[in-house]
């Protein structure tokens, strides 16, 4: 239950991208009435007085943006990935920019974001092009819907739960997307495609059934289901162009079925998404099983 009641952790390094991500973290902390923990990771064994002030200055700035948010600053020694993974064990959410101060190769996602997207003990929000929101006058998206992908796996069910919670907290529409392939789907060079309406209806019915328990818990939330005859990565990347937040799942050590690749969809979606991506991680450790009593 730490996921629900822990602090929101924001990793900052002094870059415009990390400050923009901090705005999202402060907004999340304010919305959920959680403490905001602003953290800077510095290399071990180096003396950098200027670096020690990064988190403190960022925490003060966050309190200016969101008056009333309890923000604390902390500077730790070690690699950013290990520091943030350690803090994630007791956090509600970890928020970072897609690229940090070391960006320079043109890729949309840096090494820290990629590592945390693969494994962490709490949901991780990765804010693409976060420098857009570094300016004090920048406005975060307020009306764009939350979009999540669903395929029936345990990771997608975890993402579905988180998407419902985020949509309800933001008071915006939730769109649930399931991509599916069909042998009759039209391809370039084919004369004509087959009628896929029955398959689409079946996918929609399955989505409604999966969402029903959460719809009952959030009866006032507007929910839309979409069956997309497309590749999952492409469908979610396109949806991210009009979404305010994209929620995707990644496998967890406690999942019963362990895929060969820990984030088959999450990793490429993270590369192509146009909006911030929330990775719905579960606990990073397998819960201990109770000992069997001897007869």
C-alpha atoms as a PDB file:
ATOM      1  CA  UNK A   1       0.000   0.000   0.000  1.00  0.00           C
ATOM      2  CA  UNK A   2       3.053   2.268  -0.067  1.00  0.00           C
ATOM      3  CA  UNK A   3       2.106   2.967  -3.685  1.00  0.00           C
ATOM      4  CA  UNK A   4      -0.997   4.809  -2.506  1.00  0.00           C
ATOM      5  CA  UNK A   5       0.428   6.670   0.471  1.00  0.00           C
ATOM      6  CA  UNK A   6       4.128   7.231  -0.269  1.00  0.00           C
ATOM      7  CA  UNK A   7       5.646  10.526  -1.452  1.00  0.00           C
ATOM      8  CA  UNK A   8       6.049  11.676  -5.040  1.00  0.00           C
ATOM      9  CA  UNK A   9       9.767  11.521  -5.907  1.00  0.00           C
ATOM     10  CA  UNK A  10      11.181  13.900  -8.520  1.00  0.00           C
ATOM     11  CA  UNK A  11      14.697  13.473  -9.867  1.00  0.00           C
ATOM     12  CA  UNK A  12      16.377  16.759 -10.803  1.00  0.00           C
ATOM     13  CA  UNK A  13      19.808  17.608 -12.203  1.00  0.00           C
ATOM     14  CA  UNK A  14      19.503  21.334 -12.861  1.00  0.00           C
ATOM     15  CA  UNK A  15      18.492  20.966 -16.514  1.00  0.00           C
ATOM     16  CA  UNK A  16      15.415  22.576 -18.032  1.00  0.00           C
ATOM     17  CA  UNK A  17      14.048  19.100 -18.702  1.00  0.00           C
ATOM     18  CA  UNK A  18      14.221  18.105 -15.034  1.00  0.00           C
ATOM     19  CA  UNK A  19      12.533  21.368 -13.997  1.00  0.00           C
ATOM     20  CA  UNK A  20       9.717  20.738 -16.447  1.00  0.00           C
ATOM     21  CA  UNK A  21       9.279  17.226 -15.046  1.00  0.00           C
ATOM     22  CA  UNK A  22       9.286  18.749 -11.567  1.00  0.00           C
ATOM     23  CA  UNK A  23       6.171  20.746 -12.483  1.00  0.00           C
ATOM     24  CA  UNK A  24       4.388  17.467 -13.244  1.00  0.00           C
ATOM     25  CA  UNK A  25       5.631  16.005  -9.964  1.00  0.00           C
ATOM     26  CA  UNK A  26       4.443  19.020  -7.980  1.00  0.00           C
ATOM     27  CA  UNK A  27       1.067  18.838  -9.712  1.00  0.00           C
ATOM     28  CA  UNK A  28       0.774  15.132  -8.849  1.00  0.00           C
ATOM     29  CA  UNK A  29       1.742  15.731  -5.212  1.00  0.00           C
ATOM     30  CA  UNK A  30      -0.780  18.560  -4.902  1.00  0.00           C
ATOM     31  CA  UNK A  31      -3.578  16.556  -6.548  1.00  0.00           C
ATOM     32  CA  UNK A  32      -3.009  13.488  -4.365  1.00  0.00           C
ATOM     33  CA  UNK A  33      -2.030  15.397  -1.186  1.00  0.00           C
ATOM     34  CA  UNK A  34       1.329  13.674  -0.994  1.00  0.00           C
ATOM     35  CA  UNK A  35       4.743  14.943   0.046  1.00  0.00           C
ATOM     36  CA  UNK A  36       7.076  15.959  -2.784  1.00  0.00           C
ATOM     37  CA  UNK A  37      10.600  14.587  -2.442  1.00  0.00           C
ATOM     38  CA  UNK A  38      13.061  16.398  -4.722  1.00  0.00           C
ATOM     39  CA  UNK A  39      16.275  14.406  -5.186  1.00  0.00           C
ATOM     40  CA  UNK A  40      19.621  15.038  -6.870  1.00  0.00           C
ATOM     41  CA  UNK A  41      22.113  12.201  -7.374  1.00  0.00           C
ATOM     42  CA  UNK A  42      25.802  13.157  -7.456  1.00  0.00           C
ATOM     43  CA  UNK A  43      28.731  10.848  -8.319  1.00  0.00           C
ATOM     44  CA  UNK A  44      30.368   9.242  -5.309  1.00  0.00           C
ATOM     45  CA  UNK A  45      33.735  10.609  -4.175  1.00  0.00           C
ATOM     46  CA  UNK A  46      33.398  14.007  -5.869  1.00  0.00           C
ATOM     47  CA  UNK A  47      33.078  17.417  -4.256  1.00  0.00           C
ATOM     48  CA  UNK A  48      30.506  19.556  -6.038  1.00  0.00           C
ATOM     49  CA  UNK A  49      29.146  22.348  -3.786  1.00  0.00           C
ATOM     50  CA  UNK A  50      27.038  23.755  -6.603  1.00  0.00           C
ATOM     51  CA  UNK A  51      25.404  20.375  -7.203  1.00  0.00           C
ATOM     52  CA  UNK A  52      24.325  20.127  -3.585  1.00  0.00           C
ATOM     53  CA  UNK A  53      22.069  23.178  -4.048  1.00  0.00           C
ATOM     54  CA  UNK A  54      20.207  21.846  -7.095  1.00  0.00           C
ATOM     55  CA  UNK A  55      17.563  19.938  -5.141  1.00  0.00           C
ATOM     56  CA  UNK A  56      17.067  22.747  -2.600  1.00  0.00           C
ATOM     57  CA  UNK A  57      16.497  25.363  -5.299  1.00  0.00           C
ATOM     58  CA  UNK A  58      14.168  23.039  -7.185  1.00  0.00           C
ATOM     59  CA  UNK A  59      12.101  22.316  -4.053  1.00  0.00           C
ATOM     60  CA  UNK A  60      11.646  26.042  -3.427  1.00  0.00           C
ATOM     61  CA  UNK A  61      10.557  26.521  -7.044  1.00  0.00           C
ATOM     62  CA  UNK A  62       8.048  23.662  -6.750  1.00  0.00           C
ATOM     63  CA  UNK A  63       6.458  25.309  -3.718  1.00  0.00           C
ATOM     64  CA  UNK A  64       6.090  28.519  -5.706  1.00  0.00           C
ATOM     65  CA  UNK A  65       4.255  26.646  -8.447  1.00  0.00           C
ATOM     66  CA  UNK A  66       2.032  24.700  -6.073  1.00  0.00           C
ATOM     67  CA  UNK A  67       1.497  26.674  -2.885  1.00  0.00           C
ATOM     68  CA  UNK A  68       0.841  24.353   0.030  1.00  0.00           C
ATOM     69  CA  UNK A  69       2.813  21.371  -1.278  1.00  0.00           C
ATOM     70  CA  UNK A  70       5.183  19.989   1.345  1.00  0.00           C
ATOM     71  CA  UNK A  71       8.481  19.673  -0.542  1.00  0.00           C
ATOM     72  CA  UNK A  72      11.736  18.378   0.882  1.00  0.00           C
ATOM     73  CA  UNK A  73      15.133  18.408  -0.859  1.00  0.00           C
ATOM     74  CA  UNK A  74      17.726  15.687  -0.707  1.00  0.00           C
ATOM     75  CA  UNK A  75      21.143  15.148  -2.293  1.00  0.00           C
ATOM     76  CA  UNK A  76      22.456  11.590  -2.502  1.00  0.00           C
ATOM     77  CA  UNK A  77      25.679  10.027  -3.694  1.00  0.00           C
ATOM     78  CA  UNK A  78      25.504   7.341  -6.341  1.00  0.00           C
ATOM     79  CA  UNK A  79      24.187   6.716  -9.829  1.00  0.00           C
ATOM     80  CA  UNK A  80      20.799   8.335 -10.598  1.00  0.00           C
ATOM     81  CA  UNK A  81      19.282   4.977 -11.547  1.00  0.00           C
ATOM     82  CA  UNK A  82      20.193   3.229  -8.298  1.00  0.00           C
ATOM     83  CA  UNK A  83      19.265   6.231  -6.147  1.00  0.00           C
ATOM     84  CA  UNK A  84      15.827   6.598  -7.742  1.00  0.00           C
ATOM     85  CA  UNK A  85      15.179   2.850  -7.675  1.00  0.00           C
ATOM     86  CA  UNK A  86      15.937   2.800  -3.965  1.00  0.00           C
ATOM     87  CA  UNK A  87      13.596   5.714  -3.285  1.00  0.00           C
ATOM     88  CA  UNK A  88      10.898   4.154  -5.483  1.00  0.00           C
ATOM     89  CA  UNK A  89      10.436   1.324  -2.977  1.00  0.00           C
ATOM     90  CA  UNK A  90       8.648   3.751  -0.628  1.00  0.00           C
ATOM     91  CA  UNK A  91       7.178   6.144  -3.197  1.00  0.00           C
ATOM     92  CA  UNK A  92       3.801   6.694  -4.762  1.00  0.00           C
ATOM     93  CA  UNK A  93       5.419   7.713  -8.029  1.00  0.00           C
ATOM     94  CA  UNK A  94       8.802   8.657  -9.484  1.00  0.00           C
ATOM     95  CA  UNK A  95       8.845  11.541 -11.983  1.00  0.00           C
ATOM     96  CA  UNK A  96      11.761  12.316 -14.308  1.00  0.00           C
ATOM     97  CA  UNK A  97      12.362  14.073 -17.606  1.00  0.00           C
ATOM     98  CA  UNK A  98      12.871  12.044 -20.760  1.00  0.00           C
ATOM     99  CA  UNK A  99      16.343  13.534 -21.154  1.00  0.00           C
ATOM    100  CA  UNK A 100      18.595  15.049 -18.492  1.00  0.00           C
ATOM    101  CA  UNK A 101      21.601  17.331 -18.414  1.00  0.00           C
ATOM    102  CA  UNK A 102      23.713  14.778 -20.278  1.00  0.00           C
ATOM    103  CA  UNK A 103      21.449  14.746 -23.355  1.00  0.00           C
ATOM    104  CA  UNK A 104      23.264  15.277 -26.616  1.00  0.00           C
ATOM    105  CA  UNK A 105      22.694  12.352 -28.958  1.00  0.00           C
ATOM    106  CA  UNK A 106      19.231  13.440 -30.097  1.00  0.00           C
ATOM    107  CA  UNK A 107      17.398  10.422 -28.670  1.00  0.00           C
ATOM    108  CA  UNK A 108      14.043  11.204 -26.981  1.00  0.00           C
ATOM    109  CA  UNK A 109      14.786   9.022 -23.948  1.00  0.00           C
ATOM    110  CA  UNK A 110      18.015   8.917 -21.959  1.00  0.00           C
ATOM    111  CA  UNK A 111      19.687   6.009 -20.206  1.00  0.00           C
ATOM    112  CA  UNK A 112      18.183   6.836 -16.792  1.00  0.00           C
ATOM    113  CA  UNK A 113      14.644   6.962 -18.193  1.00  0.00           C
ATOM    114  CA  UNK A 114      15.143   3.710 -20.081  1.00  0.00           C
ATOM    115  CA  UNK A 115      16.455   1.926 -16.983  1.00  0.00           C
ATOM    116  CA  UNK A 116      13.601   3.116 -14.764  1.00  0.00           C
ATOM    117  CA  UNK A 117      11.057   2.257 -17.449  1.00  0.00           C
ATOM    118  CA  UNK A 118      12.325  -1.330 -17.375  1.00  0.00           C
ATOM    119  CA  UNK A 119      12.384  -1.822 -13.602  1.00  0.00           C
ATOM    120  CA  UNK A 120      11.322   0.170 -10.542  1.00  0.00           C
ATOM    121  CA  UNK A 121       9.344  -0.437  -7.364  1.00  0.00           C
ATOM    122  CA  UNK A 122       6.693   2.219  -8.093  1.00  0.00           C
ATOM    123  CA  UNK A 123       4.995   3.790 -11.109  1.00  0.00           C
ATOM    124  CA  UNK A 124       7.403   5.962 -13.123  1.00  0.00           C
ATOM    125  CA  UNK A 125       6.246   9.055 -15.000  1.00  0.00           C
ATOM    126  CA  UNK A 126       8.603   9.974 -17.860  1.00  0.00           C
ATOM    127  CA  UNK A 127       7.940  13.444 -19.247  1.00  0.00           C
ATOM    128  CA  UNK A 128       8.969  13.836 -22.884  1.00  0.00           C
ATOM    129  CA  UNK A 129      10.319  17.234 -23.959  1.00  0.00           C
ATOM    130  CA  UNK A 130       9.836  18.341 -20.367  1.00  0.00           C
ATOM    131  CA  UNK A 131      11.572  21.675 -20.995  1.00  0.00           C
ATOM    132  CA  UNK A 132       8.209  22.799 -22.445  1.00  0.00           C
ATOM    133  CA  UNK A 133       6.936  23.145 -18.882  1.00  0.00           C
ATOM    134  CA  UNK A 134      10.064  24.593 -17.262  1.00  0.00           C
ATOM    135  CA  UNK A 135       8.808  28.152 -17.690  1.00  0.00           C
ATOM    136  CA  UNK A 136       6.790  29.434 -14.695  1.00  0.00           C
ATOM    137  CA  UNK A 137       4.017  30.575 -17.064  1.00  0.00           C
ATOM    138  CA  UNK A 138       3.716  27.208 -18.841  1.00  0.00           C
ATOM    139  CA  UNK A 139       0.344  25.502 -18.354  1.00  0.00           C
ATOM    140  CA  UNK A 140       0.085  21.746 -17.953  1.00  0.00           C
ATOM    141  CA  UNK A 141      -2.597  19.968 -20.028  1.00  0.00           C
ATOM    142  CA  UNK A 142      -5.863  19.933 -18.078  1.00  0.00           C
ATOM    143  CA  UNK A 143      -8.542  18.578 -20.426  1.00  0.00           C
ATOM    144  CA  UNK A 144      -6.763  16.039 -22.648  1.00  0.00           C
ATOM    145  CA  UNK A 145      -7.792  12.438 -21.893  1.00  0.00           C
ATOM    146  CA  UNK A 146      -5.758   9.711 -20.246  1.00  0.00           C
ATOM    147  CA  UNK A 147      -5.074   6.782 -22.599  1.00  0.00           C
ATOM    148  CA  UNK A 148      -4.056   3.265 -21.630  1.00  0.00           C
ATOM    149  CA  UNK A 149      -3.368   0.114 -23.602  1.00  0.00           C
ATOM    150  CA  UNK A 150      -4.894  -3.234 -22.632  1.00  0.00           C
ATOM    151  CA  UNK A 151      -4.144  -6.780 -23.791  1.00  0.00           C
ATOM    152  CA  UNK A 152      -5.391  -8.901 -20.880  1.00  0.00           C
ATOM    153  CA  UNK A 153      -1.968  -9.428 -19.280  1.00  0.00           C
ATOM    154  CA  UNK A 154      -1.250  -8.782 -15.615  1.00  0.00           C
ATOM    155  CA  UNK A 155       0.846  -5.744 -16.491  1.00  0.00           C
ATOM    156  CA  UNK A 156      -1.968  -4.233 -18.567  1.00  0.00           C
ATOM    157  CA  UNK A 157      -4.450  -4.825 -15.732  1.00  0.00           C
ATOM    158  CA  UNK A 158      -2.069  -2.964 -13.410  1.00  0.00           C
ATOM    159  CA  UNK A 159      -1.923  -0.144 -15.969  1.00  0.00           C
ATOM    160  CA  UNK A 160      -5.727  -0.136 -16.218  1.00  0.00           C
ATOM    161  CA  UNK A 161      -6.091   0.358 -12.472  1.00  0.00           C
ATOM    162  CA  UNK A 162      -3.576   3.197 -12.472  1.00  0.00           C
ATOM    163  CA  UNK A 163      -5.211   4.813 -15.518  1.00  0.00           C
ATOM    164  CA  UNK A 164      -8.595   4.855 -13.759  1.00  0.00           C
ATOM    165  CA  UNK A 165      -7.038   6.466 -10.684  1.00  0.00           C
ATOM    166  CA  UNK A 166      -5.200   9.109 -12.722  1.00  0.00           C
ATOM    167  CA  UNK A 167      -8.260   9.924 -14.845  1.00  0.00           C
ATOM    168  CA  UNK A 168     -10.470  10.296 -11.773  1.00  0.00           C
ATOM    169  CA  UNK A 169      -7.900  12.490 -10.018  1.00  0.00           C
ATOM    170  CA  UNK A 170      -7.554  14.705 -13.112  1.00  0.00           C
ATOM    171  CA  UNK A 171     -11.314  14.692 -13.881  1.00  0.00           C
ATOM    172  CA  UNK A 172     -10.725  13.813 -17.535  1.00  0.00           C
ATOM    173  CA  UNK A 173     -11.969  11.132 -19.909  1.00  0.00           C
ATOM    174  CA  UNK A 174     -10.288   7.720 -19.963  1.00  0.00           C
ATOM    175  CA  UNK A 175      -9.706   5.962 -23.287  1.00  0.00           C
ATOM    176  CA  UNK A 176      -8.860   2.240 -23.197  1.00  0.00           C
ATOM    177  CA  UNK A 177      -7.209   0.974 -26.374  1.00  0.00           C
ATOM    178  CA  UNK A 178      -6.676  -2.617 -27.444  1.00  0.00           C
ATOM    179  CA  UNK A 179      -4.815  -3.317 -30.663  1.00  0.00           C
ATOM    180  CA  UNK A 180      -5.478  -6.567 -32.466  1.00  0.00           C
ATOM    181  CA  UNK A 181      -4.373  -8.313 -35.622  1.00  0.00           C
ATOM    182  CA  UNK A 182      -6.599 -10.163 -38.071  1.00  0.00           C
ATOM    183  CA  UNK A 183      -5.697 -12.205 -41.160  1.00  0.00           C
ATOM    184  CA  UNK A 184      -8.406 -10.342 -43.108  1.00  0.00           C
ATOM    185  CA  UNK A 185      -6.928  -6.929 -42.298  1.00  0.00           C
ATOM    186  CA  UNK A 186      -6.269  -5.077 -45.547  1.00  0.00           C
ATOM    187  CA  UNK A 187      -2.644  -4.759 -46.600  1.00  0.00           C
ATOM    188  CA  UNK A 188      -1.144  -2.718 -49.456  1.00  0.00           C
ATOM    189  CA  UNK A 189      -1.416  -4.720 -52.669  1.00  0.00           C
ATOM    190  CA  UNK A 190      -4.538  -6.630 -51.628  1.00  0.00           C
ATOM    191  CA  UNK A 191      -7.693  -6.241 -53.698  1.00  0.00           C
ATOM    192  CA  UNK A 192      -9.967  -5.687 -50.725  1.00  0.00           C
ATOM    193  CA  UNK A 193     -10.206  -6.336 -47.008  1.00  0.00           C
ATOM    194  CA  UNK A 194     -12.653  -8.497 -45.092  1.00  0.00           C
ATOM    195  CA  UNK A 195     -15.432  -7.409 -42.750  1.00  0.00           C
ATOM    196  CA  UNK A 196     -13.899  -7.053 -39.274  1.00  0.00           C
ATOM    197  CA  UNK A 197     -16.976  -5.673 -37.493  1.00  0.00           C
ATOM    198  CA  UNK A 198     -17.711  -8.883 -35.572  1.00  0.00           C
ATOM    199  CA  UNK A 199     -14.116  -9.131 -34.326  1.00  0.00           C
ATOM    200  CA  UNK A 200     -14.150  -5.482 -33.336  1.00  0.00           C
ATOM    201  CA  UNK A 201     -17.385  -5.923 -31.376  1.00  0.00           C
ATOM    202  CA  UNK A 202     -15.891  -8.898 -29.534  1.00  0.00           C
ATOM    203  CA  UNK A 203     -12.807  -6.878 -28.569  1.00  0.00           C
ATOM    204  CA  UNK A 204     -14.972  -3.984 -27.366  1.00  0.00           C
ATOM    205  CA  UNK A 205     -17.108  -6.327 -25.264  1.00  0.00           C
ATOM    206  CA  UNK A 206     -13.981  -7.812 -23.685  1.00  0.00           C
ATOM    207  CA  UNK A 207     -12.665  -4.326 -22.883  1.00  0.00           C
ATOM    208  CA  UNK A 208     -15.952  -3.328 -21.268  1.00  0.00           C
ATOM    209  CA  UNK A 209     -15.912  -6.488 -19.163  1.00  0.00           C
ATOM    210  CA  UNK A 210     -12.342  -5.836 -18.008  1.00  0.00           C
ATOM    211  CA  UNK A 211     -13.156  -2.221 -17.151  1.00  0.00           C
ATOM    212  CA  UNK A 212     -16.488  -2.990 -15.429  1.00  0.00           C
ATOM    213  CA  UNK A 213     -15.135  -3.369 -11.849  1.00  0.00           C
ATOM    214  CA  UNK A 214     -13.273  -0.080 -12.107  1.00  0.00           C
ATOM    215  CA  UNK A 215     -16.239   1.664 -13.714  1.00  0.00           C
ATOM    216  CA  UNK A 216     -18.262   0.615 -10.685  1.00  0.00           C
ATOM    217  CA  UNK A 217     -15.627   2.108  -8.386  1.00  0.00           C
ATOM    218  CA  UNK A 218     -15.487   5.345 -10.400  1.00  0.00           C
ATOM    219  CA  UNK A 219     -19.121   5.728 -11.583  1.00  0.00           C
ATOM    220  CA  UNK A 220     -18.775   9.386 -12.602  1.00  0.00           C
ATOM    221  CA  UNK A 221     -15.765   8.837 -14.835  1.00  0.00           C
ATOM    222  CA  UNK A 222     -16.332   8.955 -18.595  1.00  0.00           C
ATOM    223  CA  UNK A 223     -14.787   5.849 -20.163  1.00  0.00           C
ATOM    224  CA  UNK A 224     -14.347   5.076 -23.857  1.00  0.00           C
ATOM    225  CA  UNK A 225     -13.130   1.747 -25.283  1.00  0.00           C
ATOM    226  CA  UNK A 226     -11.433   1.500 -28.664  1.00  0.00           C
ATOM    227  CA  UNK A 227     -10.595  -1.609 -30.681  1.00  0.00           C
ATOM    228  CA  UNK A 228      -7.786  -0.733 -33.077  1.00  0.00           C
ATOM    229  CA  UNK A 229      -6.924  -3.198 -35.884  1.00  0.00           C
ATOM    230  CA  UNK A 230      -3.281  -2.236 -35.730  1.00  0.00           C
ATOM    231  CA  UNK A 231       0.070  -2.929 -34.132  1.00  0.00           C
ATOM    232  CA  UNK A 232       0.016  -2.082 -30.405  1.00  0.00           C
ATOM    233  CA  UNK A 233       3.045   0.222 -30.512  1.00  0.00           C
ATOM    234  CA  UNK A 234       1.716   2.136 -33.509  1.00  0.00           C
ATOM    235  CA  UNK A 235      -1.792   2.453 -32.050  1.00  0.00           C
ATOM    236  CA  UNK A 236      -0.520   3.816 -28.718  1.00  0.00           C
ATOM    237  CA  UNK A 237       2.010   6.140 -30.362  1.00  0.00           C
ATOM    238  CA  UNK A 238      -0.748   7.650 -32.493  1.00  0.00           C
ATOM    239  CA  UNK A 239      -3.047   7.977 -29.474  1.00  0.00           C
ATOM    240  CA  UNK A 240      -0.291   9.800 -27.568  1.00  0.00           C
ATOM    241  CA  UNK A 241      -0.567  12.661 -30.061  1.00  0.00           C
ATOM    242  CA  UNK A 242      -3.957  13.688 -28.676  1.00  0.00           C
ATOM    243  CA  UNK A 243      -3.656  12.299 -25.125  1.00  0.00           C
ATOM    244  CA  UNK A 244      -2.579  14.238 -22.060  1.00  0.00           C
ATOM    245  CA  UNK A 245      -1.082  11.145 -20.413  1.00  0.00           C
ATOM    246  CA  UNK A 246      -0.331   7.644 -21.691  1.00  0.00           C
ATOM    247  CA  UNK A 247      -0.349   4.759 -19.176  1.00  0.00           C
ATOM    248  CA  UNK A 248       1.344   1.489 -20.129  1.00  0.00           C
ATOM    249  CA  UNK A 249       2.294  -1.617 -18.191  1.00  0.00           C
ATOM    250  CA  UNK A 250       5.591  -3.398 -17.654  1.00  0.00           C
ATOM    251  CA  UNK A 251       6.105  -6.822 -16.156  1.00  0.00           C
ATOM    252  CA  UNK A 252       6.623  -7.211 -12.419  1.00  0.00           C
ATOM    253  CA  UNK A 253       8.571  -9.962 -10.559  1.00  0.00           C
ATOM    254  CA  UNK A 254       5.346 -11.044  -8.855  1.00  0.00           C
ATOM    255  CA  UNK A 255       3.497 -11.600 -12.157  1.00  0.00           C
ATOM    256  CA  UNK A 256       2.583 -15.245 -12.696  1.00  0.00           C
ATOM    257  CA  UNK A 257       3.618 -15.174 -16.359  1.00  0.00           C
ATOM    258  CA  UNK A 258       7.073 -13.760 -17.034  1.00  0.00           C
ATOM    259  CA  UNK A 259       7.703 -12.710 -20.667  1.00  0.00           C
ATOM    260  CA  UNK A 260      11.163 -13.005 -22.172  1.00  0.00           C
ATOM    261  CA  UNK A 261      11.299  -9.244 -22.714  1.00  0.00           C
ATOM    262  CA  UNK A 262      10.317  -7.203 -19.606  1.00  0.00           C
ATOM    263  CA  UNK A 263       8.739  -4.378 -21.611  1.00  0.00           C
ATOM    264  CA  UNK A 264       7.904  -5.507 -25.139  1.00  0.00           C
ATOM    265  CA  UNK A 265       5.422  -2.656 -25.679  1.00  0.00           C
ATOM    266  CA  UNK A 266       6.454  -0.123 -23.037  1.00  0.00           C
ATOM    267  CA  UNK A 267       9.984   0.381 -24.318  1.00  0.00           C
ATOM    268  CA  UNK A 268       9.193   1.255 -27.982  1.00  0.00           C
ATOM    269  CA  UNK A 269       6.110   3.254 -26.959  1.00  0.00           C
ATOM    270  CA  UNK A 270       8.358   5.285 -24.692  1.00  0.00           C
ATOM    271  CA  UNK A 271      10.550   6.116 -27.681  1.00  0.00           C
ATOM    272  CA  UNK A 272       7.729   7.260 -29.965  1.00  0.00           C
ATOM    273  CA  UNK A 273       5.149   8.770 -27.589  1.00  0.00           C
ATOM    274  CA  UNK A 274       4.360  12.471 -27.934  1.00  0.00           C
ATOM    275  CA  UNK A 275       2.973  12.942 -24.410  1.00  0.00           C
ATOM    276  CA  UNK A 276       4.252  11.985 -20.933  1.00  0.00           C
ATOM    277  CA  UNK A 277       4.229   8.214 -20.334  1.00  0.00           C
ATOM    278  CA  UNK A 278       3.346   6.630 -17.001  1.00  0.00           C
ATOM    279  CA  UNK A 279       4.838   3.143 -16.561  1.00  0.00           C
ATOM    280  CA  UNK A 280       2.657   1.103 -14.206  1.00  0.00           C
ATOM    281  CA  UNK A 281       5.324  -0.836 -12.335  1.00  0.00           C
ATOM    282  CA  UNK A 282       4.371  -3.152  -9.511  1.00  0.00           C
ATOM    283  CA  UNK A 283       6.504  -4.178  -6.500  1.00  0.00           C
ATOM    284  CA  UNK A 284      10.099  -4.864  -7.501  1.00  0.00           C
ATOM    285  CA  UNK A 285      10.397  -7.792  -5.095  1.00  0.00           C
ATOM    286  CA  UNK A 286       8.401 -11.021  -5.016  1.00  0.00           C
ATOM    287  CA  UNK A 287       6.303 -11.126  -1.807  1.00  0.00           C
ATOM    288  CA  UNK A 288       7.483 -13.734   0.673  1.00  0.00           C
ATOM    289  CA  UNK A 289       5.217 -16.757   0.890  1.00  0.00           C
ATOM    290  CA  UNK A 290       3.954 -17.781   4.332  1.00  0.00           C
ATOM    291  CA  UNK A 291       5.665 -20.826   5.769  1.00  0.00           C
ATOM    292  CA  UNK A 292       3.668 -24.040   5.662  1.00  0.00           C
ATOM    293  CA  UNK A 293       2.870 -25.365   9.110  1.00  0.00           C
ATOM    294  CA  UNK A 294       3.945 -28.915   9.790  1.00  0.00           C
ATOM    295  CA  UNK A 295       1.170 -31.391  10.397  1.00  0.00           C
END
